Amino acid sequence: MVCIQCRDVTFRDIQAIVFDKDGTLADSQDFMRNLGFKRARLLDAQIPGAGEALLVACGIEGDRVDPTGLMAVGSRHENEIAAAAFVAETGRSWWESLAVARKAFAQAERAIDVATPSPLFVGSLDVLQNLADAGLKLGILSADTPERVQQFVREHQLDRYIRVQMGVDLGPSKPDPVLFERACASLGVSPHEALMVGDSPLDIEMAKKANAAGCIGICWESPIAAHLQTADVTIAQLDEIRVLAETSR
């Protein structure tokens, strides 16, 4: 087991760390903004006015993506359902509304380069290597699809460090604690032996409900982030997660 320190908070007897992907390991702000705008434009082309409503719900305004907005924290399926709801407000049937939203999302993904994963935040690879070398089991638990999580790991050659690669399809989504529990089970540890690192309040809520050993919020712009106030500690860059020493059982 390992002792981890972040700023003035120490976590003892840790066996694993589970990371969110977008906004935590992946610098995906530009990608999310571009994809969100494209979805909105294509939705608006079919249903005038629906696109603007979707942008508001997604938390996209100008160059900024709200870290608490639907685009940042919701799964693809949740974003699609939200888009369909705006279409349904025009009086269309739910099945027709879903079809319109799915068409816009599929067209957006063909237009935007979704095949190339977002870059890692600077220094993240070294941190993952150091944590793995210390004997910690590492995993990714993202609201992105399982396929895109796996693609991200392959693209950045993280297979040697990341043992578990979890995404969300049509099943439970964050903050359902079952997701963290499943990630821990796949890593072969109990939730109380694992830390969660994420940039969203849903990451924190999920891990706390699952009785995680601790929750580390990360905001790459500033460690002072109101939306992460429920985390045990908030950091501004990943290398603030430091291994102090191994601890005996």
Protein backbone atom coordinates (compact mmCIF):
# COMPACT_ATOMS: atom_id res chain seq x y z
CA MET A 1 0.00 0.00 0.00
CA VAL A 2 1.09 3.57 -0.67
CA CYS A 3 0.88 6.89 1.12
CA ILE A 4 -0.18 9.79 -1.15
CA GLN A 5 0.09 13.49 -0.40
CA CYS A 6 -1.67 16.35 -2.20
CA ARG A 7 -0.93 19.79 -0.84
CA ASP A 8 -1.66 19.52 2.90
CA VAL A 9 -3.80 16.37 2.68
CA THR A 10 -2.37 12.87 3.15
CA PHE A 11 -4.10 9.68 2.03
CA ARG A 12 -2.80 6.48 3.64
CA ASP A 13 -2.97 2.81 2.64
CA ILE A 14 -3.83 3.48 -1.00
CA GLN A 15 -3.70 0.68 -3.56
CA ALA A 16 -5.29 2.30 -6.61
CA ILE A 17 -6.12 5.61 -8.26
CA VAL A 18 -9.01 6.06 -10.70
CA PHE A 19 -8.83 9.04 -13.07
CA ASP A 20 -11.47 10.82 -15.07
CA LYS A 21 -10.34 11.41 -18.68
CA ASP A 22 -11.55 14.69 -20.19
CA GLY A 23 -10.36 17.73 -18.26
CA THR A 24 -8.27 15.53 -15.96
CA LEU A 25 -5.79 13.64 -18.16
CA ALA A 26 -6.95 14.87 -21.57
CA ASP A 27 -6.79 18.53 -22.56
CA SER A 28 -10.10 18.26 -24.40
CA GLN A 29 -11.58 21.76 -24.04
CA ASP A 30 -11.15 22.66 -27.73
CA PHE A 31 -12.47 19.30 -28.91
CA MET A 32 -15.59 19.46 -26.74
CA ARG A 33 -16.33 23.03 -27.76
CA ASN A 34 -15.95 22.27 -31.49
CA LEU A 35 -18.03 19.11 -31.27
CA GLY A 36 -20.73 20.86 -29.25
CA PHE A 37 -20.96 23.74 -31.73
CA LYS A 38 -21.15 21.33 -34.66
CA ARG A 39 -23.91 19.29 -33.04
CA ALA A 40 -25.87 22.47 -32.30
CA ARG A 41 -25.52 23.83 -35.85
CA LEU A 42 -26.65 20.56 -37.42
CA LEU A 43 -29.56 20.26 -34.98
CA ASP A 44 -30.55 23.86 -35.70
CA ALA A 45 -30.50 23.17 -39.45
CA GLN A 46 -33.27 20.62 -38.90
CA ILE A 47 -35.12 22.32 -36.04
CA PRO A 48 -34.49 26.10 -35.86
CA GLY A 49 -33.91 27.23 -32.31
CA ALA A 50 -33.08 23.79 -30.89
CA GLY A 51 -29.36 24.25 -31.45
CA GLU A 52 -29.12 27.39 -29.33
CA ALA A 53 -30.99 25.71 -26.50
CA LEU A 54 -28.60 22.77 -26.70
CA LEU A 55 -25.56 25.05 -26.44
CA VAL A 56 -26.97 26.61 -23.26
CA ALA A 57 -27.66 23.19 -21.74
CA CYS A 58 -24.18 22.00 -22.70
CA GLY A 59 -22.56 24.98 -21.04
CA ILE A 60 -20.84 26.20 -24.20
CA GLU A 61 -20.37 29.93 -24.54
CA GLY A 62 -17.72 31.46 -26.77
CA ASP A 63 -14.39 29.79 -26.11
CA ARG A 64 -15.47 28.36 -22.77
CA VAL A 65 -16.98 25.01 -21.84
CA ASP A 66 -18.54 25.09 -18.37
CA PRO A 67 -16.93 22.26 -16.34
CA THR A 68 -20.33 21.61 -14.74
CA GLY A 69 -22.29 21.71 -18.01
CA LEU A 70 -23.77 18.77 -19.89
CA MET A 71 -21.01 18.69 -22.51
CA ALA A 72 -18.29 18.38 -19.89
CA VAL A 73 -19.90 15.93 -17.47
CA GLY A 74 -22.62 14.08 -19.39
CA SER A 75 -22.27 10.92 -21.42
CA ARG A 76 -22.85 10.97 -25.17
CA HIS A 77 -26.23 9.32 -24.57
CA GLU A 78 -27.25 11.98 -22.05
CA ASN A 79 -26.29 14.74 -24.47
CA GLU A 80 -28.30 13.04 -27.21
CA ILE A 81 -31.35 12.74 -24.95
CA ALA A 82 -31.11 16.44 -24.06
CA ALA A 83 -31.00 17.35 -27.76
CA ALA A 84 -34.01 15.17 -28.45
CA ALA A 85 -35.93 16.86 -25.62
CA PHE A 86 -35.46 20.27 -27.26
CA VAL A 87 -36.75 18.83 -30.54
CA ALA A 88 -39.75 17.27 -28.76
CA GLU A 89 -40.72 20.73 -27.47
CA THR A 90 -41.73 21.55 -31.06
CA GLY A 91 -44.52 18.96 -30.85
CA ARG A 92 -42.78 16.10 -32.61
CA SER A 93 -43.10 12.56 -31.29
CA TRP A 94 -40.36 11.27 -29.01
CA TRP A 95 -39.19 8.71 -31.56
CA GLU A 96 -39.00 11.36 -34.28
CA SER A 97 -37.17 13.68 -31.89
CA LEU A 98 -34.63 10.97 -31.09
CA ALA A 99 -34.08 10.31 -34.79
CA VAL A 100 -33.42 14.01 -35.45
CA ALA A 101 -30.93 14.22 -32.56
CA ARG A 102 -29.15 11.03 -33.56
CA LYS A 103 -28.79 12.24 -37.13
CA ALA A 104 -27.26 15.54 -36.00
CA PHE A 105 -24.85 13.81 -33.62
CA ALA A 106 -23.75 11.27 -36.23
CA GLN A 107 -23.18 14.01 -38.81
CA ALA A 108 -21.20 16.06 -36.29
CA GLU A 109 -18.93 13.14 -35.48
CA ARG A 110 -18.25 12.56 -39.16
CA ALA A 111 -17.39 16.24 -39.62
CA ILE A 112 -15.21 16.58 -36.51
CA ASP A 113 -12.04 14.50 -36.17
CA VAL A 114 -13.22 12.23 -33.37
CA ALA A 115 -10.68 9.57 -34.39
CA THR A 116 -7.79 11.59 -32.96
CA PRO A 117 -7.92 11.73 -29.14
CA SER A 118 -7.24 14.99 -27.32
CA PRO A 119 -3.66 15.55 -26.12
CA LEU A 120 -2.52 14.71 -22.62
CA PHE A 121 -2.05 17.62 -20.27
CA VAL A 122 1.65 18.43 -20.01
CA GLY A 123 3.36 16.27 -17.40
CA SER A 124 0.55 13.73 -17.08
CA LEU A 125 2.51 10.86 -18.61
CA ASP A 126 5.36 11.28 -16.11
CA VAL A 127 2.89 11.31 -13.21
CA LEU A 128 1.18 8.12 -14.40
CA GLN A 129 4.55 6.42 -14.81
CA ASN A 130 5.69 7.45 -11.32
CA LEU A 131 2.45 6.26 -9.73
CA ALA A 132 2.58 2.93 -11.54
CA ASP A 133 6.23 2.48 -10.59
CA ALA A 134 5.23 2.97 -6.96
CA GLY A 135 2.99 -0.08 -7.27
CA LEU A 136 -0.35 1.69 -7.58
CA LYS A 137 -3.04 0.20 -9.80
CA LEU A 138 -4.36 2.86 -12.18
CA GLY A 139 -7.62 3.11 -14.08
CA ILE A 140 -9.66 5.54 -16.18
CA LEU A 141 -13.38 6.01 -15.56
CA SER A 142 -14.88 8.46 -18.04
CA ALA A 143 -18.30 9.65 -19.17
CA ASP A 144 -16.99 9.20 -22.72
CA THR A 145 -17.80 6.01 -24.62
CA PRO A 146 -15.76 2.86 -23.85
CA GLU A 147 -14.42 2.88 -27.41
CA ARG A 148 -13.07 6.42 -27.11
CA VAL A 149 -11.51 5.70 -23.71
CA GLN A 150 -9.69 2.71 -25.19
CA GLN A 151 -8.70 4.79 -28.21
CA PHE A 152 -7.27 7.47 -25.92
CA VAL A 153 -5.19 4.90 -24.03
CA ARG A 154 -3.87 3.36 -27.26
CA GLU A 155 -3.06 6.70 -28.89
CA HIS A 156 -1.00 7.87 -25.92
CA GLN A 157 0.49 4.43 -25.24
CA LEU A 158 -0.82 4.30 -21.69
CA ASP A 159 -1.52 0.55 -21.72
CA ARG A 160 1.51 -0.15 -19.53
CA TYR A 161 0.12 2.12 -16.80
CA ILE A 162 -3.69 2.05 -17.13
CA ARG A 163 -5.05 -1.34 -16.12
CA VAL A 164 -8.76 -0.51 -16.36
CA GLN A 165 -10.33 1.56 -19.15
CA MET A 166 -14.01 2.28 -18.46
CA GLY A 167 -16.48 4.46 -20.32
CA VAL A 168 -20.26 4.92 -20.33
CA ASP A 169 -22.73 3.70 -22.93
CA LEU A 170 -26.40 3.22 -22.16
CA GLY A 171 -26.03 2.01 -18.59
CA PRO A 172 -25.48 3.93 -15.35
CA SER A 173 -23.64 7.23 -15.62
CA LYS A 174 -21.87 9.49 -13.15
CA PRO A 175 -22.51 10.07 -10.26
CA ASP A 176 -23.87 6.51 -9.83
CA PRO A 177 -21.44 4.90 -7.34
CA VAL A 178 -21.76 1.53 -9.07
CA LEU A 179 -19.36 2.83 -11.73
CA PHE A 180 -16.59 3.49 -9.21
CA GLU A 181 -17.33 0.18 -7.50
CA ARG A 182 -16.99 -1.65 -10.82
CA ALA A 183 -13.73 0.13 -11.63
CA CYS A 184 -12.31 -0.85 -8.25
CA ALA A 185 -13.48 -4.44 -8.63
CA SER A 186 -11.76 -4.62 -12.03
CA LEU A 187 -8.57 -3.29 -10.41
CA GLY A 188 -8.86 -5.87 -7.65
CA VAL A 189 -9.22 -3.38 -4.79
CA SER A 190 -11.95 -2.14 -2.48
CA PRO A 191 -13.28 1.43 -2.92
CA HIS A 192 -11.86 2.41 0.49
CA GLU A 193 -8.40 1.58 -0.88
CA ALA A 194 -8.76 3.79 -3.97
CA LEU A 195 -8.65 7.50 -4.77
CA MET A 196 -10.72 9.30 -7.40
CA VAL A 197 -9.18 12.14 -9.41
CA GLY A 198 -11.56 14.25 -11.50
CA ASP A 199 -12.49 17.74 -12.65
CA SER A 200 -16.24 17.42 -12.11
CA PRO A 201 -18.46 17.49 -9.01
CA LEU A 202 -20.04 14.31 -10.38
CA ASP A 203 -16.67 12.52 -10.09
CA ILE A 204 -16.48 13.59 -6.45
CA GLU A 205 -20.08 12.70 -5.62
CA MET A 206 -19.75 9.28 -7.28
CA ALA A 207 -16.59 8.38 -5.36
CA LYS A 208 -17.90 9.62 -2.02
CA LYS A 209 -21.09 7.58 -2.43
CA ALA A 210 -18.91 4.54 -3.13
CA ASN A 211 -16.89 5.19 0.06
CA ALA A 212 -13.64 5.93 -1.75
CA ALA A 213 -10.48 6.51 0.28
CA GLY A 214 -10.46 10.09 -0.97
CA CYS A 215 -11.42 12.48 -3.74
CA ILE A 216 -8.95 14.77 -5.48
CA GLY A 217 -10.43 17.57 -7.58
CA ILE A 218 -8.33 19.00 -10.37
CA CYS A 219 -8.78 22.35 -12.08
CA TRP A 220 -5.89 23.01 -14.42
CA GLU A 221 -6.56 26.75 -14.45
CA SER A 222 -6.67 27.21 -10.69
CA PRO A 223 -6.84 25.08 -7.52
CA ILE A 224 -9.56 27.44 -6.28
CA ALA A 225 -12.63 26.00 -7.98
CA ALA A 226 -16.08 26.42 -6.42
CA HIS A 227 -17.51 23.43 -8.28
CA LEU A 228 -14.93 21.15 -6.61
CA GLN A 229 -15.44 22.33 -3.04
CA THR A 230 -16.69 18.89 -1.91
CA ALA A 231 -13.37 17.26 -2.85
CA ASP A 232 -10.95 16.40 -0.06
CA VAL A 233 -8.33 18.52 -1.82
CA THR A 234 -8.14 20.44 -5.09
CA ILE A 235 -4.99 20.69 -7.20
CA ALA A 236 -3.96 22.78 -10.21
CA GLN A 237 -1.77 20.18 -11.92
CA LEU A 238 -1.38 16.44 -11.76
CA ASP A 239 2.16 16.39 -10.40
CA GLU A 240 0.80 17.65 -7.07
CA ILE A 241 -0.14 14.00 -6.46
CA ARG A 242 3.02 12.78 -4.72
CA VAL A 243 4.00 9.35 -3.44
CA LEU A 244 5.41 9.66 0.07
CA ALA A 245 6.17 6.08 0.94
CA GLU A 246 4.89 2.54 0.94
CA THR A 247 3.02 1.50 4.06
CA SER A 248 2.82 -1.95 5.59
CA ARG A 249 -0.45 -3.82 5.77
